[in-house]
Amino acid sequence: MRTSRIMAAVAAAAIAFTSGCGGDDEPKTGATSGKAPVSAPASPAANAKDVLDKAVKDLNASTYTYRMAIPEGTFSGAIDPAGKQQVKAEGAVGGVKFTIEGIVLGTEYYYRTSAAAPGIDPKKWYKLDRSKVTKPEIIGLIEEKDPTGSQTFVGRVGSAKLASPTTITGTFDLSVGGDLGIDDSAVLAALGEKAKTAPFTAMLDDQQRLTSMKITVPAYGTVGEQAMTVEYAGHGQPVSVAAPKSADVLPATTAVYGLLNR
C-alpha cells in the first residue's frame, strides 16, 4: 500500500535521525456537531456499487475527518476541499514511537516531527518552501487530497452486495497497487488470486454517508490475516484546520529538508 511506503519512509528517517521523542499541543482538528436532513436508506435491491460510488463522491465533495489504521501505524486528519487539510501519522520503529504532522492552508505548508535531530526541534512547527521538497513520500502524506484512497476504491471492487441498507460487503483487487493496493511483488506472488478478491466491508449511516471501510489482506505464507480500516466523520461540517501559533513556528532548516528529501 502507498501508505505503507510512506510509513516505511518515515521509519527509515526516524532510524537515521531520531535522538528523542516529543511533540504536543498540536492544533485541534475536529468537526462541529449537526445533522443533515435524513435521506432514504438504500433498498436491499439497489445496486451496491452505485450506492458505494455515490457515498464516495459525496465524501470527496465535502469536508470530513478520518482515521486510518494499517499494520504499520495510524493516520488521522481533516480534509476541506477549499484547500485546507491536516494530517498526523503515528508509528514505531525499534520500540521508539514517532509522529509526523502536516498542515496545508492553500500554498502554506507546516511540518512537525518527533524524529528529533540537530536542526530539528520536535516541539516546533516548520514552515516549508514547497519548492525545496523534492521527494514525494513524506510530503505526499501532507498534501494528499484523498489520503484514504477512496476515490479509486469503487473501480477496484469486484463483487459487491448490500448486506443491509447501511452495510456493503464484497471483494477488492489489491493487485493493482497504489493507495489501497499492494506493490510488493513477493507478497502478491504469495497471495496469488487471493490478492484480487480481498474481502471488504463499507458502512454507511442513515443518510447514506460513508462512515467506515475495512479491507482484509488474506493470510499468506507465515503472515496472518491483516486489515486496513478507515473511519470517517464530520461530513459536511466545518473542520478546524488553522496555522500553528506564530510563536511555535520556525522557518524550515536544512535538517528539515534533509529529512523530507531522504
C-alpha atoms as a PDB file:
ATOM      1  CA  MET A   1       0.000   0.000   0.000  1.00  0.00           C
ATOM      2  CA  ARG A   2       1.161   3.537  -0.675  1.00  0.00           C
ATOM      3  CA  THR A   3       0.507   4.394   2.955  1.00  0.00           C
ATOM      4  CA  SER A   4       2.814   1.532   3.934  1.00  0.00           C
ATOM      5  CA  ARG A   5       5.553   3.011   1.743  1.00  0.00           C
ATOM      6  CA  ILE A   6       5.068   6.410   3.358  1.00  0.00           C
ATOM      7  CA  MET A   7       5.287   4.870   6.826  1.00  0.00           C
ATOM      8  CA  ALA A   8       8.396   2.939   5.760  1.00  0.00           C
ATOM      9  CA  ALA A   9       9.991   6.167   4.558  1.00  0.00           C
ATOM     10  CA  VAL A  10       9.167   7.857   7.836  1.00  0.00           C
ATOM     11  CA  ALA A  11      10.517   4.886   9.794  1.00  0.00           C
ATOM     12  CA  ALA A  12      13.766   4.952   7.818  1.00  0.00           C
ATOM     13  CA  ALA A  13      14.113   8.647   8.550  1.00  0.00           C
ATOM     14  CA  ALA A  14      13.350   8.040  12.208  1.00  0.00           C
ATOM     15  CA  ILE A  15      16.043   5.371  12.436  1.00  0.00           C
ATOM     16  CA  ALA A  16      18.547   7.748  10.895  1.00  0.00           C
ATOM     17  CA  PHE A  17      17.587  10.918  12.729  1.00  0.00           C
ATOM     18  CA  THR A  18      15.747  10.163  15.968  1.00  0.00           C
ATOM     19  CA  SER A  19      17.573  11.173  19.124  1.00  0.00           C
ATOM     20  CA  GLY A  20      14.442  11.571  21.225  1.00  0.00           C
ATOM     21  CA  CYS A  21      10.699  11.869  21.058  1.00  0.00           C
ATOM     22  CA  GLY A  22       8.412  14.781  21.739  1.00  0.00           C
ATOM     23  CA  GLY A  23       5.680  16.970  20.394  1.00  0.00           C
ATOM     24  CA  ASP A  24       2.458  18.069  21.957  1.00  0.00           C
ATOM     25  CA  ASP A  25      -0.123  20.841  21.939  1.00  0.00           C
ATOM     26  CA  GLU A  26      -0.967  20.332  18.288  1.00  0.00           C
ATOM     27  CA  PRO A  27      -3.750  22.463  16.793  1.00  0.00           C
ATOM     28  CA  LYS A  28      -7.107  20.847  17.300  1.00  0.00           C
ATOM     29  CA  THR A  29      -8.747  19.019  14.427  1.00  0.00           C
ATOM     30  CA  GLY A  30     -12.457  18.435  14.709  1.00  0.00           C
ATOM     31  CA  ALA A  31     -15.911  18.978  13.380  1.00  0.00           C
ATOM     32  CA  THR A  32     -18.921  20.698  14.773  1.00  0.00           C
ATOM     33  CA  SER A  33     -21.973  18.679  15.542  1.00  0.00           C
ATOM     34  CA  GLY A  34     -25.019  18.863  13.374  1.00  0.00           C
ATOM     35  CA  LYS A  35     -27.255  16.674  11.302  1.00  0.00           C
ATOM     36  CA  ALA A  36     -28.278  16.993   7.696  1.00  0.00           C
ATOM     37  CA  PRO A  37     -31.755  16.008   6.581  1.00  0.00           C
ATOM     38  CA  VAL A  38     -32.123  12.255   6.652  1.00  0.00           C
ATOM     39  CA  SER A  39     -32.178  10.645   3.229  1.00  0.00           C
ATOM     40  CA  ALA A  40     -33.952   7.414   2.442  1.00  0.00           C
ATOM     41  CA  PRO A  41     -31.865   4.304   3.201  1.00  0.00           C
ATOM     42  CA  ALA A  42     -30.784   2.236   0.253  1.00  0.00           C
ATOM     43  CA  SER A  43     -33.142  -0.515  -0.758  1.00  0.00           C
ATOM     44  CA  PRO A  44     -31.659  -4.017  -0.495  1.00  0.00           C
ATOM     45  CA  ALA A  45     -32.466  -4.315  -4.200  1.00  0.00           C
ATOM     46  CA  ALA A  46     -30.361  -1.259  -5.083  1.00  0.00           C
ATOM     47  CA  ASN A  47     -27.072  -1.719  -6.911  1.00  0.00           C
ATOM     48  CA  ALA A  48     -24.415  -1.918  -4.195  1.00  0.00           C
ATOM     49  CA  LYS A  49     -21.676  -0.395  -6.364  1.00  0.00           C
ATOM     50  CA  ASP A  50     -23.895   2.562  -7.240  1.00  0.00           C
ATOM     51  CA  VAL A  51     -24.667   3.176  -3.573  1.00  0.00           C
ATOM     52  CA  LEU A  52     -20.973   2.983  -2.689  1.00  0.00           C
ATOM     53  CA  ASP A  53     -19.972   5.183  -5.615  1.00  0.00           C
ATOM     54  CA  LYS A  54     -22.401   7.915  -4.536  1.00  0.00           C
ATOM     55  CA  ALA A  55     -21.193   7.730  -0.930  1.00  0.00           C
ATOM     56  CA  VAL A  56     -17.562   8.109  -2.038  1.00  0.00           C
ATOM     57  CA  LYS A  57     -18.326  11.023  -4.372  1.00  0.00           C
ATOM     58  CA  ASP A  58     -20.313  12.773  -1.641  1.00  0.00           C
ATOM     59  CA  LEU A  59     -17.412  12.250   0.762  1.00  0.00           C
ATOM     60  CA  ASN A  60     -14.862  13.875  -1.519  1.00  0.00           C
ATOM     61  CA  ALA A  61     -17.127  16.796  -2.403  1.00  0.00           C
ATOM     62  CA  SER A  62     -17.326  17.994   1.183  1.00  0.00           C
ATOM     63  CA  THR A  63     -15.422  18.324   4.443  1.00  0.00           C
ATOM     64  CA  TYR A  64     -14.707  15.341   6.667  1.00  0.00           C
ATOM     65  CA  THR A  65     -12.335  13.933   9.270  1.00  0.00           C
ATOM     66  CA  TYR A  66     -10.765  10.489   9.116  1.00  0.00           C
ATOM     67  CA  ARG A  67      -8.665   7.940  10.961  1.00  0.00           C
ATOM     68  CA  MET A  68      -6.929   5.165   9.046  1.00  0.00           C
ATOM     69  CA  ALA A  69      -5.149   2.230  10.683  1.00  0.00           C
ATOM     70  CA  ILE A  70      -2.755  -0.101   8.877  1.00  0.00           C
ATOM     71  CA  PRO A  71      -0.329  -2.637  10.410  1.00  0.00           C
ATOM     72  CA  GLU A  72       2.484  -0.069  10.258  1.00  0.00           C
ATOM     73  CA  GLY A  73       0.667   2.677  12.136  1.00  0.00           C
ATOM     74  CA  THR A  74      -2.189   5.171  12.023  1.00  0.00           C
ATOM     75  CA  PHE A  75      -3.074   8.263  10.011  1.00  0.00           C
ATOM     76  CA  SER A  76      -5.656  10.823  11.085  1.00  0.00           C
ATOM     77  CA  GLY A  77      -6.695  14.235   9.911  1.00  0.00           C
ATOM     78  CA  ALA A  78      -9.194  16.571   8.333  1.00  0.00           C
ATOM     79  CA  ILE A  79      -9.946  17.477   4.729  1.00  0.00           C
ATOM     80  CA  ASP A  80     -11.603  20.595   3.338  1.00  0.00           C
ATOM     81  CA  PRO A  81     -11.904  20.750  -0.481  1.00  0.00           C
ATOM     82  CA  ALA A  82     -11.420  24.512  -0.196  1.00  0.00           C
ATOM     83  CA  GLY A  83      -7.684  23.876   0.251  1.00  0.00           C
ATOM     84  CA  LYS A  84      -7.292  23.098   3.937  1.00  0.00           C
ATOM     85  CA  GLN A  85      -6.038  19.827   5.338  1.00  0.00           C
ATOM     86  CA  GLN A  86      -4.278  18.414   8.346  1.00  0.00           C
ATOM     87  CA  VAL A  87      -2.701  15.021   8.952  1.00  0.00           C
ATOM     88  CA  LYS A  88      -0.915  13.187  11.729  1.00  0.00           C
ATOM     89  CA  ALA A  89       0.892   9.871  11.227  1.00  0.00           C
ATOM     90  CA  GLU A  90       1.937   7.755  14.186  1.00  0.00           C
ATOM     91  CA  GLY A  91       4.131   4.688  14.144  1.00  0.00           C
ATOM     92  CA  ALA A  92       7.023   2.998  15.912  1.00  0.00           C
ATOM     93  CA  VAL A  93      10.433   1.680  14.930  1.00  0.00           C
ATOM     94  CA  GLY A  94      12.716  -0.294  17.200  1.00  0.00           C
ATOM     95  CA  GLY A  95      10.250   0.252  20.003  1.00  0.00           C
ATOM     96  CA  VAL A  96      10.523   4.031  19.664  1.00  0.00           C
ATOM     97  CA  LYS A  97       7.317   5.857  18.786  1.00  0.00           C
ATOM     98  CA  PHE A  98       7.392   8.686  16.275  1.00  0.00           C
ATOM     99  CA  THR A  99       4.956  11.100  14.684  1.00  0.00           C
ATOM    100  CA  ILE A 100       4.869  13.347  11.680  1.00  0.00           C
ATOM    101  CA  GLU A 101       2.300  16.106  11.278  1.00  0.00           C
ATOM    102  CA  GLY A 102       1.415  18.426   8.454  1.00  0.00           C
ATOM    103  CA  ILE A 103      -0.923  21.338   7.811  1.00  0.00           C
ATOM    104  CA  VAL A 104      -1.754  22.770   4.393  1.00  0.00           C
ATOM    105  CA  LEU A 105      -3.568  26.080   4.020  1.00  0.00           C
ATOM    106  CA  GLY A 106      -3.638  26.859   0.323  1.00  0.00           C
ATOM    107  CA  THR A 107       0.044  27.337  -0.562  1.00  0.00           C
ATOM    108  CA  GLU A 108       1.249  27.419   3.057  1.00  0.00           C
ATOM    109  CA  TYR A 109       2.818  24.218   4.379  1.00  0.00           C
ATOM    110  CA  TYR A 110       3.673  23.438   8.001  1.00  0.00           C
ATOM    111  CA  TYR A 111       5.515  20.340   9.214  1.00  0.00           C
ATOM    112  CA  ARG A 112       6.423  18.847  12.575  1.00  0.00           C
ATOM    113  CA  THR A 113       8.015  15.552  13.568  1.00  0.00           C
ATOM    114  CA  SER A 114       9.178  13.831  16.721  1.00  0.00           C
ATOM    115  CA  ALA A 115      12.188  12.463  14.806  1.00  0.00           C
ATOM    116  CA  ALA A 116      14.483  14.925  16.571  1.00  0.00           C
ATOM    117  CA  ALA A 117      17.997  15.710  15.346  1.00  0.00           C
ATOM    118  CA  PRO A 118      20.361  18.671  15.257  1.00  0.00           C
ATOM    119  CA  GLY A 119      18.443  21.405  13.490  1.00  0.00           C
ATOM    120  CA  ILE A 120      15.021  19.873  14.242  1.00  0.00           C
ATOM    121  CA  ASP A 121      13.034  20.766  17.356  1.00  0.00           C
ATOM    122  CA  PRO A 122      10.239  18.217  17.950  1.00  0.00           C
ATOM    123  CA  LYS A 123       8.150  20.854  19.707  1.00  0.00           C
ATOM    124  CA  LYS A 124       8.261  23.338  16.832  1.00  0.00           C
ATOM    125  CA  TRP A 125       6.383  23.550  13.564  1.00  0.00           C
ATOM    126  CA  TYR A 126       8.430  24.380  10.466  1.00  0.00           C
ATOM    127  CA  LYS A 127       7.064  26.462   7.622  1.00  0.00           C
ATOM    128  CA  LEU A 128       8.127  24.841   4.358  1.00  0.00           C
ATOM    129  CA  ASP A 129       9.105  26.197   0.992  1.00  0.00           C
ATOM    130  CA  ARG A 130       7.355  23.537  -1.097  1.00  0.00           C
ATOM    131  CA  SER A 131       9.780  24.036  -3.993  1.00  0.00           C
ATOM    132  CA  LYS A 132      12.627  22.761  -1.807  1.00  0.00           C
ATOM    133  CA  VAL A 133      10.957  19.396  -1.160  1.00  0.00           C
ATOM    134  CA  THR A 134      11.888  17.020  -3.970  1.00  0.00           C
ATOM    135  CA  LYS A 135      10.987  13.559  -2.652  1.00  0.00           C
ATOM    136  CA  PRO A 136       7.303  12.555  -2.736  1.00  0.00           C
ATOM    137  CA  GLU A 137       6.952  10.133   0.171  1.00  0.00           C
ATOM    138  CA  ILE A 138       6.543  12.308   3.260  1.00  0.00           C
ATOM    139  CA  ILE A 139       5.317  15.487   1.544  1.00  0.00           C
ATOM    140  CA  GLY A 140       2.786  13.321  -0.305  1.00  0.00           C
ATOM    141  CA  LEU A 141       1.271  12.358   3.020  1.00  0.00           C
ATOM    142  CA  ILE A 142       0.883  16.019   3.952  1.00  0.00           C
ATOM    143  CA  GLU A 143      -0.657  17.274   0.705  1.00  0.00           C
ATOM    144  CA  GLU A 144      -2.648  14.227  -0.443  1.00  0.00           C
ATOM    145  CA  LYS A 145      -6.193  15.400  -1.143  1.00  0.00           C
ATOM    146  CA  ASP A 146      -7.589  11.870  -0.912  1.00  0.00           C
ATOM    147  CA  PRO A 147      -5.449  10.391   1.875  1.00  0.00           C
ATOM    148  CA  THR A 148      -7.566   7.267   2.300  1.00  0.00           C
ATOM    149  CA  GLY A 149      -7.650   6.397  -1.407  1.00  0.00           C
ATOM    150  CA  SER A 150     -11.437   6.488  -1.503  1.00  0.00           C
ATOM    151  CA  GLN A 151     -11.744   7.991  -4.998  1.00  0.00           C
ATOM    152  CA  THR A 152     -10.252   4.909  -6.676  1.00  0.00           C
ATOM    153  CA  PHE A 153     -11.958   2.397  -4.406  1.00  0.00           C
ATOM    154  CA  VAL A 154     -15.108   1.609  -6.375  1.00  0.00           C
ATOM    155  CA  GLY A 155     -13.219   0.993  -9.615  1.00  0.00           C
ATOM    156  CA  ARG A 156     -11.351  -1.838  -7.937  1.00  0.00           C
ATOM    157  CA  VAL A 157     -14.372  -3.529  -6.397  1.00  0.00           C
ATOM    158  CA  GLY A 158     -15.156  -6.919  -7.894  1.00  0.00           C
ATOM    159  CA  SER A 159     -18.338  -8.210  -6.335  1.00  0.00           C
ATOM    160  CA  ALA A 160     -20.493  -6.137  -4.000  1.00  0.00           C
ATOM    161  CA  LYS A 161     -23.810  -6.591  -2.251  1.00  0.00           C
ATOM    162  CA  LEU A 162     -25.994  -4.693   0.181  1.00  0.00           C
ATOM    163  CA  ALA A 163     -25.900  -6.886   3.259  1.00  0.00           C
ATOM    164  CA  SER A 164     -28.235  -4.306   4.834  1.00  0.00           C
ATOM    165  CA  PRO A 165     -29.357  -0.767   3.940  1.00  0.00           C
ATOM    166  CA  THR A 166     -26.195   0.537   5.617  1.00  0.00           C
ATOM    167  CA  THR A 167     -23.715  -2.299   5.040  1.00  0.00           C
ATOM    168  CA  ILE A 168     -21.952  -3.169   1.787  1.00  0.00           C
ATOM    169  CA  THR A 169     -19.713  -6.229   1.535  1.00  0.00           C
ATOM    170  CA  GLY A 170     -17.717  -7.601  -1.348  1.00  0.00           C
ATOM    171  CA  THR A 171     -14.271  -8.158  -2.831  1.00  0.00           C
ATOM    172  CA  PHE A 172     -11.489  -5.718  -3.657  1.00  0.00           C
ATOM    173  CA  ASP A 173      -8.495  -6.004  -6.005  1.00  0.00           C
ATOM    174  CA  LEU A 174      -5.236  -5.395  -4.126  1.00  0.00           C
ATOM    175  CA  SER A 175      -3.029  -6.390  -7.065  1.00  0.00           C
ATOM    176  CA  VAL A 176      -3.219  -3.009  -8.830  1.00  0.00           C
ATOM    177  CA  GLY A 177      -1.013  -1.410  -6.178  1.00  0.00           C
ATOM    178  CA  GLY A 178      -1.285   2.292  -5.427  1.00  0.00           C
ATOM    179  CA  ASP A 179      -3.013   3.837  -2.427  1.00  0.00           C
ATOM    180  CA  LEU A 180      -5.117   0.837  -1.447  1.00  0.00           C
ATOM    181  CA  GLY A 181      -3.157  -1.916  -3.129  1.00  0.00           C
ATOM    182  CA  ILE A 182      -0.029  -3.998  -2.641  1.00  0.00           C
ATOM    183  CA  ASP A 183       3.122  -3.062  -4.549  1.00  0.00           C
ATOM    184  CA  ASP A 184       5.411  -5.806  -3.199  1.00  0.00           C
ATOM    185  CA  SER A 185       5.758  -8.421  -5.955  1.00  0.00           C
ATOM    186  CA  ALA A 186       6.759 -11.127  -3.482  1.00  0.00           C
ATOM    187  CA  VAL A 187       3.632 -10.554  -1.393  1.00  0.00           C
ATOM    188  CA  LEU A 188       1.444 -10.561  -4.497  1.00  0.00           C
ATOM    189  CA  ALA A 189       3.039 -13.808  -5.672  1.00  0.00           C
ATOM    190  CA  ALA A 190       2.375 -15.384  -2.269  1.00  0.00           C
ATOM    191  CA  LEU A 191      -1.235 -14.207  -2.276  1.00  0.00           C
ATOM    192  CA  GLY A 192      -1.893 -15.377  -5.819  1.00  0.00           C
ATOM    193  CA  GLU A 193      -5.512 -14.975  -6.893  1.00  0.00           C
ATOM    194  CA  LYS A 194      -6.499 -14.049  -3.340  1.00  0.00           C
ATOM    195  CA  ALA A 195      -4.977 -10.615  -3.963  1.00  0.00           C
ATOM    196  CA  LYS A 196      -7.770  -9.905  -6.450  1.00  0.00           C
ATOM    197  CA  THR A 197     -10.584 -10.901  -4.116  1.00  0.00           C
ATOM    198  CA  ALA A 198      -9.702  -9.359  -0.752  1.00  0.00           C
ATOM    199  CA  PRO A 199     -12.837  -9.032   1.402  1.00  0.00           C
ATOM    200  CA  PHE A 200     -14.105  -5.555   2.234  1.00  0.00           C
ATOM    201  CA  THR A 201     -16.924  -4.074   4.292  1.00  0.00           C
ATOM    202  CA  ALA A 202     -18.167  -0.498   3.913  1.00  0.00           C
ATOM    203  CA  MET A 203     -20.539   1.032   6.446  1.00  0.00           C
ATOM    204  CA  LEU A 204     -22.962   3.914   5.812  1.00  0.00           C
ATOM    205  CA  ASP A 205     -25.006   5.996   8.202  1.00  0.00           C
ATOM    206  CA  ASP A 206     -28.750   6.568   7.935  1.00  0.00           C
ATOM    207  CA  GLN A 207     -28.053   9.414   5.488  1.00  0.00           C
ATOM    208  CA  GLN A 208     -26.058   7.125   3.196  1.00  0.00           C
ATOM    209  CA  ARG A 209     -22.737   8.743   4.107  1.00  0.00           C
ATOM    210  CA  LEU A 210     -19.611   6.613   4.267  1.00  0.00           C
ATOM    211  CA  THR A 211     -18.639   6.081   7.909  1.00  0.00           C
ATOM    212  CA  SER A 212     -16.104   3.259   7.740  1.00  0.00           C
ATOM    213  CA  MET A 213     -14.318   0.903   5.437  1.00  0.00           C
ATOM    214  CA  LYS A 214     -12.344  -2.251   6.122  1.00  0.00           C
ATOM    215  CA  ILE A 215     -10.176  -4.147   3.637  1.00  0.00           C
ATOM    216  CA  THR A 216      -8.778  -7.504   4.745  1.00  0.00           C
ATOM    217  CA  VAL A 217      -5.479  -8.769   3.325  1.00  0.00           C
ATOM    218  CA  PRO A 218      -5.757 -12.582   3.336  1.00  0.00           C
ATOM    219  CA  ALA A 219      -3.157 -14.674   5.143  1.00  0.00           C
ATOM    220  CA  TYR A 220      -0.170 -15.822   3.072  1.00  0.00           C
ATOM    221  CA  GLY A 221       2.876 -17.911   3.903  1.00  0.00           C
ATOM    222  CA  THR A 222       3.617 -17.393   7.579  1.00  0.00           C
ATOM    223  CA  VAL A 223       1.888 -13.998   7.649  1.00  0.00           C
ATOM    224  CA  GLY A 224      -1.526 -13.912   9.229  1.00  0.00           C
ATOM    225  CA  GLU A 225      -4.570 -12.043   8.008  1.00  0.00           C
ATOM    226  CA  GLN A 226      -4.171  -8.253   8.204  1.00  0.00           C
ATOM    227  CA  ALA A 227      -6.584  -5.379   7.808  1.00  0.00           C
ATOM    228  CA  MET A 228      -6.702  -1.732   6.886  1.00  0.00           C
ATOM    229  CA  THR A 229      -9.558   0.202   8.463  1.00  0.00           C
ATOM    230  CA  VAL A 230     -10.766   3.748   7.881  1.00  0.00           C
ATOM    231  CA  GLU A 231     -13.315   5.703   9.910  1.00  0.00           C
ATOM    232  CA  TYR A 232     -14.965   8.862   8.553  1.00  0.00           C
ATOM    233  CA  ALA A 233     -16.837  11.562  10.469  1.00  0.00           C
ATOM    234  CA  GLY A 234     -17.817  15.236  10.366  1.00  0.00           C
ATOM    235  CA  HIS A 235     -19.378  15.003   6.902  1.00  0.00           C
ATOM    236  CA  GLY A 236     -20.105  18.487   5.608  1.00  0.00           C
ATOM    237  CA  GLN A 237     -19.350  20.135   8.922  1.00  0.00           C
ATOM    238  CA  PRO A 238     -16.748  22.907   9.361  1.00  0.00           C
ATOM    239  CA  VAL A 239     -13.354  21.442  10.234  1.00  0.00           C
ATOM    240  CA  SER A 240     -10.857  23.259  12.399  1.00  0.00           C
ATOM    241  CA  VAL A 241      -7.647  23.474  10.374  1.00  0.00           C
ATOM    242  CA  ALA A 242      -5.558  26.517  11.245  1.00  0.00           C
ATOM    243  CA  ALA A 243      -1.951  27.612  11.166  1.00  0.00           C
ATOM    244  CA  PRO A 244       0.063  26.907  14.321  1.00  0.00           C
ATOM    245  CA  LYS A 245       0.646  29.761  16.728  1.00  0.00           C
ATOM    246  CA  SER A 246       3.369  32.045  15.339  1.00  0.00           C
ATOM    247  CA  ALA A 247       5.468  31.505  18.465  1.00  0.00           C
ATOM    248  CA  ASP A 248       5.570  27.785  17.650  1.00  0.00           C
ATOM    249  CA  VAL A 249       6.691  28.214  14.022  1.00  0.00           C
ATOM    250  CA  LEU A 250      10.217  28.430  12.613  1.00  0.00           C
ATOM    251  CA  PRO A 251      11.465  28.599   9.019  1.00  0.00           C
ATOM    252  CA  ALA A 252      12.360  25.111   7.804  1.00  0.00           C
ATOM    253  CA  THR A 253      16.049  24.301   8.331  1.00  0.00           C
ATOM    254  CA  THR A 254      18.473  22.376   6.160  1.00  0.00           C
ATOM    255  CA  ALA A 255      17.976  19.439   8.513  1.00  0.00           C
ATOM    256  CA  VAL A 256      14.202  19.510   7.946  1.00  0.00           C
ATOM    257  CA  TYR A 257      14.583  19.470   4.170  1.00  0.00           C
ATOM    258  CA  GLY A 258      17.181  16.727   4.535  1.00  0.00           C
ATOM    259  CA  LEU A 259      14.646  14.605   6.399  1.00  0.00           C
ATOM    260  CA  LEU A 260      11.868  15.258   3.891  1.00  0.00           C
ATOM    261  CA  ASN A 261      14.149  14.556   0.930  1.00  0.00           C
ATOM    262  CA  ARG A 262      15.847  11.496   2.388  1.00  0.00           C
END
